[in-house]
């Protein structure tokens, strides 16, 4: 069973990724900010998958 805190972190990241993708879709003056934010969020998620998460549990 995965650590509840780890699941909450992934849920938070998923929410923030969705918000950033929404911001990019709006194509306003802040879309560059959202692209950078999206890069950082993906980097954080990749880091967690490689270094923190349980190896036998897949997060979506």
N, C-alpha and C. Protein backbone atom coordinates (compact mmCIF):
# COMPACT_ATOMS: atom_id res chain seq x y z
N UNK A 1 0.85 -1.18 0.00
CA UNK A 1 0.00 0.00 0.00
C UNK A 1 0.89 1.24 0.00
N UNK A 2 0.58 2.23 -0.83
CA UNK A 2 1.42 3.42 -0.91
C UNK A 2 1.26 4.31 0.32
N UNK A 3 2.27 5.07 0.54
CA UNK A 3 2.26 6.05 1.62
C UNK A 3 1.21 7.12 1.31
N UNK A 4 0.31 7.40 2.25
CA UNK A 4 -0.77 8.38 2.01
C UNK A 4 -0.22 9.76 1.66
N UNK A 5 0.86 10.14 2.29
CA UNK A 5 1.46 11.44 2.02
C UNK A 5 1.95 11.51 0.57
N UNK A 6 2.54 10.44 0.10
CA UNK A 6 3.02 10.38 -1.28
C UNK A 6 1.86 10.50 -2.26
N UNK A 7 0.75 9.84 -1.95
CA UNK A 7 -0.43 9.92 -2.81
C UNK A 7 -0.96 11.35 -2.84
N UNK A 8 -1.01 12.01 -1.69
CA UNK A 8 -1.47 13.40 -1.63
C UNK A 8 -0.56 14.32 -2.45
N UNK A 9 0.72 14.09 -2.40
CA UNK A 9 1.66 14.89 -3.19
C UNK A 9 1.37 14.70 -4.68
N UNK A 10 1.17 13.46 -5.11
CA UNK A 10 0.87 13.20 -6.52
C UNK A 10 -0.46 13.83 -6.92
N UNK A 11 -1.45 13.79 -6.04
CA UNK A 11 -2.73 14.43 -6.34
C UNK A 11 -2.56 15.94 -6.50
N UNK A 12 -1.76 16.53 -5.63
CA UNK A 12 -1.49 17.97 -5.70
C UNK A 12 -0.79 18.32 -7.01
N UNK A 13 0.22 17.53 -7.36
CA UNK A 13 0.94 17.77 -8.61
C UNK A 13 0.02 17.63 -9.82
N UNK A 14 -0.86 16.64 -9.79
CA UNK A 14 -1.80 16.44 -10.89
C UNK A 14 -2.71 17.65 -11.04
N UNK A 15 -3.17 18.18 -9.93
CA UNK A 15 -4.03 19.37 -9.95
C UNK A 15 -3.28 20.57 -10.53
N UNK A 16 -2.05 20.78 -10.08
CA UNK A 16 -1.26 21.91 -10.56
C UNK A 16 -0.90 21.76 -12.04
N UNK A 17 -0.65 20.53 -12.48
CA UNK A 17 -0.36 20.30 -13.90
C UNK A 17 -1.59 20.64 -14.74
N UNK A 18 -2.76 20.25 -14.28
CA UNK A 18 -4.00 20.57 -15.01
C UNK A 18 -4.20 22.08 -15.09
N UNK A 19 -3.92 22.80 -14.00
CA UNK A 19 -4.06 24.25 -13.99
C UNK A 19 -3.08 24.90 -14.96
N UNK A 20 -1.86 24.41 -15.00
CA UNK A 20 -0.85 24.96 -15.91
C UNK A 20 -1.22 24.69 -17.36
N UNK A 21 -1.72 23.49 -17.65
CA UNK A 21 -2.15 23.18 -19.01
C UNK A 21 -3.32 24.04 -19.43
N UNK A 22 -4.22 24.34 -18.50
CA UNK A 22 -5.33 25.26 -18.77
C UNK A 22 -4.80 26.66 -19.12
N UNK A 23 -3.81 27.11 -18.35
CA UNK A 23 -3.22 28.42 -18.59
C UNK A 23 -2.56 28.51 -19.95
N UNK A 24 -1.92 27.44 -20.38
CA UNK A 24 -1.29 27.41 -21.70
C UNK A 24 -2.35 27.45 -22.78
N UNK A 25 -3.44 26.75 -22.57
CA UNK A 25 -4.51 26.70 -23.56
C UNK A 25 -5.16 28.07 -23.77
N UNK A 26 -5.15 28.92 -22.74
CA UNK A 26 -5.74 30.26 -22.86
C UNK A 26 -4.94 31.16 -23.78
N UNK A 27 -3.65 30.88 -23.94
CA UNK A 27 -2.76 31.63 -24.83
C UNK A 27 -2.77 33.13 -24.54
N UNK A 28 -2.67 33.48 -23.27
CA UNK A 28 -2.56 34.89 -22.92
C UNK A 28 -1.10 35.23 -22.65
N UNK A 29 -0.85 36.40 -22.12
CA UNK A 29 0.53 36.85 -21.89
C UNK A 29 1.27 36.04 -20.84
N UNK A 30 0.55 35.27 -20.03
CA UNK A 30 1.20 34.46 -18.99
C UNK A 30 1.46 33.03 -19.42
N UNK A 31 1.20 32.67 -20.68
CA UNK A 31 1.38 31.29 -21.10
C UNK A 31 2.83 30.84 -21.00
N UNK A 32 3.76 31.77 -21.15
CA UNK A 32 5.18 31.44 -20.98
C UNK A 32 5.45 31.02 -19.54
N UNK A 33 4.85 31.71 -18.59
CA UNK A 33 4.97 31.34 -17.17
C UNK A 33 4.45 29.93 -16.94
N UNK A 34 3.29 29.62 -17.52
CA UNK A 34 2.69 28.31 -17.33
C UNK A 34 3.54 27.20 -17.95
N UNK A 35 4.19 27.48 -19.09
CA UNK A 35 5.07 26.48 -19.69
C UNK A 35 6.23 26.16 -18.77
N UNK A 36 6.82 27.18 -18.16
CA UNK A 36 7.90 26.97 -17.21
C UNK A 36 7.43 26.22 -15.98
N UNK A 37 6.26 26.57 -15.50
CA UNK A 37 5.70 25.89 -14.33
C UNK A 37 5.45 24.42 -14.65
N UNK A 38 4.94 24.15 -15.84
CA UNK A 38 4.67 22.78 -16.24
C UNK A 38 5.96 21.96 -16.30
N UNK A 39 7.02 22.55 -16.83
CA UNK A 39 8.33 21.86 -16.85
C UNK A 39 8.77 21.49 -15.45
N UNK A 40 8.66 22.43 -14.52
CA UNK A 40 9.07 22.18 -13.14
C UNK A 40 8.22 21.09 -12.48
N UNK A 41 6.92 21.12 -12.72
CA UNK A 41 6.03 20.13 -12.12
C UNK A 41 6.34 18.73 -12.64
N UNK A 42 6.60 18.62 -13.96
CA UNK A 42 6.98 17.32 -14.52
C UNK A 42 8.31 16.85 -13.95
N UNK A 43 9.24 17.78 -13.76
CA UNK A 43 10.54 17.41 -13.19
C UNK A 43 10.35 16.87 -11.76
N UNK A 44 9.54 17.57 -10.96
CA UNK A 44 9.29 17.13 -9.58
C UNK A 44 8.65 15.75 -9.57
N UNK A 45 7.66 15.53 -10.44
CA UNK A 45 6.99 14.24 -10.48
C UNK A 45 7.97 13.13 -10.88
N UNK A 46 8.81 13.39 -11.86
CA UNK A 46 9.81 12.40 -12.28
C UNK A 46 10.79 12.09 -11.16
N UNK A 47 11.23 13.13 -10.46
CA UNK A 47 12.15 12.93 -9.33
C UNK A 47 11.51 12.05 -8.26
N UNK A 48 10.27 12.34 -7.93
CA UNK A 48 9.57 11.55 -6.91
C UNK A 48 9.43 10.09 -7.34
N UNK A 49 9.08 9.87 -8.60
CA UNK A 49 8.93 8.50 -9.09
C UNK A 49 10.23 7.72 -8.98
N UNK A 50 11.34 8.37 -9.30
CA UNK A 50 12.63 7.69 -9.30
C UNK A 50 13.21 7.51 -7.90
N UNK A 51 13.03 8.48 -7.00
CA UNK A 51 13.77 8.48 -5.75
C UNK A 51 12.96 8.28 -4.48
N UNK A 52 11.65 8.51 -4.51
CA UNK A 52 10.89 8.49 -3.27
C UNK A 52 9.80 7.41 -3.27
N UNK A 53 9.12 7.24 -4.38
CA UNK A 53 7.95 6.37 -4.41
C UNK A 53 8.30 4.91 -4.20
N UNK A 54 7.29 4.17 -3.81
CA UNK A 54 7.44 2.73 -3.71
C UNK A 54 7.61 2.16 -5.11
N UNK A 55 8.48 1.23 -5.26
CA UNK A 55 8.82 0.71 -6.58
C UNK A 55 7.71 -0.16 -7.19
N UNK A 56 6.83 -0.70 -6.39
CA UNK A 56 5.79 -1.59 -6.92
C UNK A 56 4.43 -0.91 -7.03
N UNK A 57 4.37 0.41 -6.97
CA UNK A 57 3.10 1.12 -7.07
C UNK A 57 3.21 2.18 -8.15
N UNK A 58 2.28 2.21 -9.09
CA UNK A 58 2.30 3.15 -10.20
C UNK A 58 1.29 4.26 -9.93
N UNK A 59 1.74 5.50 -10.06
CA UNK A 59 0.86 6.66 -9.91
C UNK A 59 0.44 7.13 -11.29
N UNK A 60 -0.80 7.55 -11.40
CA UNK A 60 -1.29 8.05 -12.67
C UNK A 60 -1.60 9.50 -12.58
